[in-house]
PDB file of N, CA and C in Angstrom:
ATOM      1  N   PRO A   1      -8.416  16.077 -15.889  1.00  0.00           N
ATOM      2  CA  PRO A   1      -7.154  15.699 -16.569  1.00  0.00           C
ATOM      3  C   PRO A   1      -6.825  14.219 -16.335  1.00  0.00           C
ATOM      4  N   MET A   2      -5.927  13.936 -15.397  1.00  0.00           N
ATOM      5  CA  MET A   2      -5.527  12.552 -15.124  1.00  0.00           C
ATOM      6  C   MET A   2      -6.019  12.147 -13.741  1.00  0.00           C
ATOM      7  N   HIS A   3      -7.286  12.453 -13.460  1.00  0.00           N
ATOM      8  CA  HIS A   3      -7.814  12.174 -12.123  1.00  0.00           C
ATOM      9  C   HIS A   3      -7.916  10.667 -11.883  1.00  0.00           C
ATOM     10  N   GLY A   4      -8.399   9.939 -12.879  1.00  0.00           N
ATOM     11  CA  GLY A   4      -8.553   8.498 -12.713  1.00  0.00           C
ATOM     12  C   GLY A   4      -7.203   7.823 -12.491  1.00  0.00           C
ATOM     13  N   THR A   5      -6.181   8.280 -13.208  1.00  0.00           N
ATOM     14  CA  THR A   5      -4.854   7.681 -13.041  1.00  0.00           C
ATOM     15  C   THR A   5      -4.327   7.944 -11.644  1.00  0.00           C
ATOM     16  N   ALA A   6      -4.536   9.140 -11.137  1.00  0.00           N
ATOM     17  CA  ALA A   6      -4.068   9.474  -9.792  1.00  0.00           C
ATOM     18  C   ALA A   6      -4.805   8.627  -8.764  1.00  0.00           C
ATOM     19  N   ASP A   7      -6.094   8.409  -8.961  1.00  0.00           N
ATOM     20  CA  ASP A   7      -6.861   7.605  -8.009  1.00  0.00           C
ATOM     21  C   ASP A   7      -6.338   6.167  -7.975  1.00  0.00           C
ATOM     22  N   SER A   8      -6.125   5.577  -9.124  1.00  0.00           N
ATOM     23  CA  SER A   8      -5.645   4.199  -9.153  1.00  0.00           C
ATOM     24  C   SER A   8      -4.238   4.115  -8.565  1.00  0.00           C
ATOM     25  N   LEU A   9      -3.443   5.165  -8.796  1.00  0.00           N
ATOM     26  CA  LEU A   9      -2.092   5.177  -8.239  1.00  0.00           C
ATOM     27  C   LEU A   9      -2.158   5.244  -6.716  1.00  0.00           C
ATOM     28  N   ASN A  10      -3.051   6.085  -6.199  1.00  0.00           N
ATOM     29  CA  ASN A  10      -3.193   6.193  -4.746  1.00  0.00           C
ATOM     30  C   ASN A  10      -3.638   4.864  -4.150  1.00  0.00           C
ATOM     31  N   VAL A  11      -4.543   4.174  -4.831  1.00  0.00           N
ATOM     32  CA  VAL A  11      -5.008   2.878  -4.337  1.00  0.00           C
ATOM     33  C   VAL A  11      -3.851   1.881  -4.326  1.00  0.00           C
ATOM     34  N   SER A  12      -3.041   1.890  -5.363  1.00  0.00           N
ATOM     35  CA  SER A  12      -1.908   0.965  -5.426  1.00  0.00           C
ATOM     36  C   SER A  12      -0.914   1.263  -4.315  1.00  0.00           C
ATOM     37  N   VAL A  13      -0.639   2.543  -4.091  1.00  0.00           N
ATOM     38  CA  VAL A  13       0.310   2.926  -3.042  1.00  0.00           C
ATOM     39  C   VAL A  13      -0.237   2.538  -1.674  1.00  0.00           C
ATOM     40  N   SER A  14      -1.518   2.786  -1.457  1.00  0.00           N
ATOM     41  CA  SER A  14      -2.119   2.441  -0.164  1.00  0.00           C
ATOM     42  C   SER A  14      -2.059   0.932   0.063  1.00  0.00           C
ATOM     43  N   ALA A  15      -2.366   0.159  -0.957  1.00  0.00           N
ATOM     44  CA  ALA A  15      -2.328  -1.295  -0.822  1.00  0.00           C
ATOM     45  C   ALA A  15      -0.900  -1.760  -0.541  1.00  0.00           C
ATOM     46  N   ALA A  16       0.072  -1.177  -1.220  1.00  0.00           N
ATOM     47  CA  ALA A  16       1.468  -1.563  -1.010  1.00  0.00           C
ATOM     48  C   ALA A  16       1.896  -1.258   0.421  1.00  0.00           C
ATOM     49  N   ILE A  17       1.480  -0.107   0.938  1.00  0.00           N
ATOM     50  CA  ILE A  17       1.842   0.266   2.309  1.00  0.00           C
ATOM     51  C   ILE A  17       1.207  -0.701   3.302  1.00  0.00           C
ATOM     52  N   ILE A  18      -0.062  -1.049   3.081  1.00  0.00           N
ATOM     53  CA  ILE A  18      -0.747  -1.970   3.991  1.00  0.00           C
ATOM     54  C   ILE A  18      -0.054  -3.333   3.988  1.00  0.00           C
ATOM     55  N   ILE A  19       0.270  -3.827   2.806  1.00  0.00           N
ATOM     56  CA  ILE A  19       0.938  -5.127   2.711  1.00  0.00           C
ATOM     57  C   ILE A  19       2.318  -5.060   3.359  1.00  0.00           C
ATOM     58  N   TYR A  20       3.047  -3.970   3.109  1.00  0.00           N
ATOM     59  CA  TYR A  20       4.386  -3.820   3.678  1.00  0.00           C
ATOM     60  C   TYR A  20       4.328  -3.791   5.197  1.00  0.00           C
ATOM     61  N   GLU A  21       3.384  -3.031   5.747  1.00  0.00           N
ATOM     62  CA  GLU A  21       3.250  -2.945   7.206  1.00  0.00           C
ATOM     63  C   GLU A  21       2.879  -4.306   7.791  1.00  0.00           C
ATOM     64  N   ALA A  22       1.976  -5.030   7.128  1.00  0.00           N
ATOM     65  CA  ALA A  22       1.563  -6.339   7.633  1.00  0.00           C
ATOM     66  C   ALA A  22       2.751  -7.299   7.649  1.00  0.00           C
ATOM     67  N   LEU A  23       3.527  -7.320   6.573  1.00  0.00           N
ATOM     68  CA  LEU A  23       4.691  -8.207   6.525  1.00  0.00           C
ATOM     69  C   LEU A  23       5.726  -7.784   7.564  1.00  0.00           C
ATOM     70  N   ARG A  24       5.922  -6.486   7.743  1.00  0.00           N
ATOM     71  CA  ARG A  24       6.921  -5.996   8.691  1.00  0.00           C
ATOM     72  C   ARG A  24       6.532  -6.378  10.119  1.00  0.00           C
ATOM     73  N   GLN A  25       5.266  -6.199  10.463  1.00  0.00           N
ATOM     74  CA  GLN A  25       4.828  -6.539  11.815  1.00  0.00           C
ATOM     75  C   GLN A  25       4.891  -8.052  12.039  1.00  0.00           C
ATOM     76  N   ARG A  26       4.590  -8.820  11.000  1.00  0.00           N
ATOM     77  CA  ARG A  26       4.626 -10.275  11.140  1.00  0.00           C
ATOM     78  C   ARG A  26       6.061 -10.751  11.346  1.00  0.00           C
ATOM     79  N   SER A  27       7.019 -10.094  10.712  1.00  0.00           N
ATOM     80  CA  SER A  27       8.415 -10.509  10.855  1.00  0.00           C
ATOM     81  C   SER A  27       8.974 -10.093  12.212  1.00  0.00           C
ATOM     82  N   LEU A  28       8.359  -9.092  12.852  1.00  0.00           N
ATOM     83  CA  LEU A  28       8.836  -8.655  14.165  1.00  0.00           C
ATOM     84  C   LEU A  28       8.400  -9.619  15.259  1.00  0.00           C
ATOM     85  N   GLN A  29       7.342 -10.372  15.018  1.00  0.00           N
ATOM     86  CA  GLN A  29       6.867 -11.302  16.042  1.00  0.00           C
ATOM     87  C   GLN A  29       7.794 -12.512  16.127  1.00  0.00           C
ATOM     88  N   PRO A  30       8.027 -13.046  17.350  1.00  0.00           N
ATOM     89  CA  PRO A  30       8.931 -14.187  17.546  1.00  0.00           C
ATOM     90  C   PRO A  30       8.399 -15.470  16.911  1.00  0.00           C
TER      91      PRO A  30
END
């Protein structure tokens, strides 16, 4: 059905989480 769309969505979500975590940890450092 929409397997390819779900895969690309998962990749986008994973990338967003990784970027968000990296920015969050960087802002926590003095």
